[in-house]
Amino acid sequence: MVTKPVATVHQLPSSILHNSGAVRSQYTREASRLMIQAIARKFRSWNKRAVAVANDIGQVQGGH
């Protein structure tokens, strides 16, 4: 699985630091969007595992 690095891990380029507030807010929005996507992927992964475990438990207990 190929993942993009989260934008906030890297230092901000000086062009962004010394630029307008609009550019900084755009950079922040992008970083927020990437973080939300990463968290959503984690939740989907956990949900898949939970469903698999619940199915296994049902089979062990003689589910219908």
Protein backbone atom coordinates (compact mmCIF):
# COMPACT_ATOMS: atom_id res chain seq x y z
CA MET A 1 0.00 0.00 0.00
CA VAL A 2 1.41 3.36 -0.99
CA THR A 3 0.69 6.22 1.38
CA LYS A 4 1.34 9.90 0.92
CA PRO A 5 3.20 11.60 3.73
CA VAL A 6 1.03 13.84 5.85
CA ALA A 7 1.74 17.44 4.94
CA THR A 8 2.34 18.56 8.52
CA VAL A 9 5.23 16.12 9.00
CA HIS A 10 7.45 18.25 6.78
CA GLN A 11 8.52 21.76 7.59
CA LEU A 12 6.70 24.49 5.75
CA PRO A 13 8.61 25.95 2.82
CA SER A 14 9.69 29.53 3.49
CA SER A 15 7.62 30.69 0.51
CA ILE A 16 4.50 29.60 2.39
CA LEU A 17 5.65 31.03 5.71
CA HIS A 18 6.29 34.45 4.18
CA ASN A 19 3.29 34.46 1.91
CA SER A 20 -0.27 35.65 2.35
CA GLY A 21 -2.69 34.25 4.89
CA ALA A 22 -4.75 32.80 2.05
CA VAL A 23 -1.87 30.55 0.97
CA ARG A 24 -1.25 29.42 4.55
CA SER A 25 -4.91 28.63 5.10
CA GLN A 26 -5.00 26.68 1.84
CA TYR A 27 -1.97 24.67 2.98
CA THR A 28 -3.64 24.07 6.35
CA ARG A 29 -6.87 22.93 4.67
CA GLU A 30 -4.91 20.44 2.55
CA ALA A 31 -3.06 19.12 5.60
CA SER A 32 -6.39 18.75 7.44
CA ARG A 33 -7.93 16.92 4.50
CA LEU A 34 -5.02 14.47 4.35
CA MET A 35 -5.23 13.84 8.09
CA ILE A 36 -8.99 13.19 7.90
CA GLN A 37 -8.42 10.72 5.06
CA ALA A 38 -5.78 8.89 7.10
CA ILE A 39 -8.10 8.66 10.11
CA ALA A 40 -10.97 7.46 7.91
CA ARG A 41 -8.74 4.70 6.51
CA LYS A 42 -7.87 3.61 10.08
CA PHE A 43 -11.55 3.46 11.05
CA ARG A 44 -12.41 1.43 7.94
CA SER A 45 -9.58 -0.97 8.75
CA TRP A 46 -10.76 -1.36 12.35
CA ASN A 47 -14.35 -1.86 11.20
CA LYS A 48 -13.31 -4.63 8.80
CA ARG A 49 -11.42 -6.37 11.61
CA ALA A 50 -14.37 -6.00 14.00
CA VAL A 51 -16.74 -7.52 11.44
CA ALA A 52 -14.35 -10.43 10.84
CA VAL A 53 -13.99 -11.07 14.59
CA ALA A 54 -17.76 -10.87 15.11
CA ASN A 55 -18.29 -13.42 12.32
CA ASP A 56 -15.67 -15.73 13.85
CA ILE A 57 -17.27 -15.48 17.28
CA GLY A 58 -20.66 -16.30 15.78
CA GLN A 59 -19.27 -19.43 14.14
CA VAL A 60 -17.48 -20.55 17.32
CA GLN A 61 -20.66 -20.15 19.36
CA GLY A 62 -22.67 -22.07 16.80
CA GLY A 63 -24.33 -19.07 15.22
CA HIS A 64 -27.13 -19.50 12.72
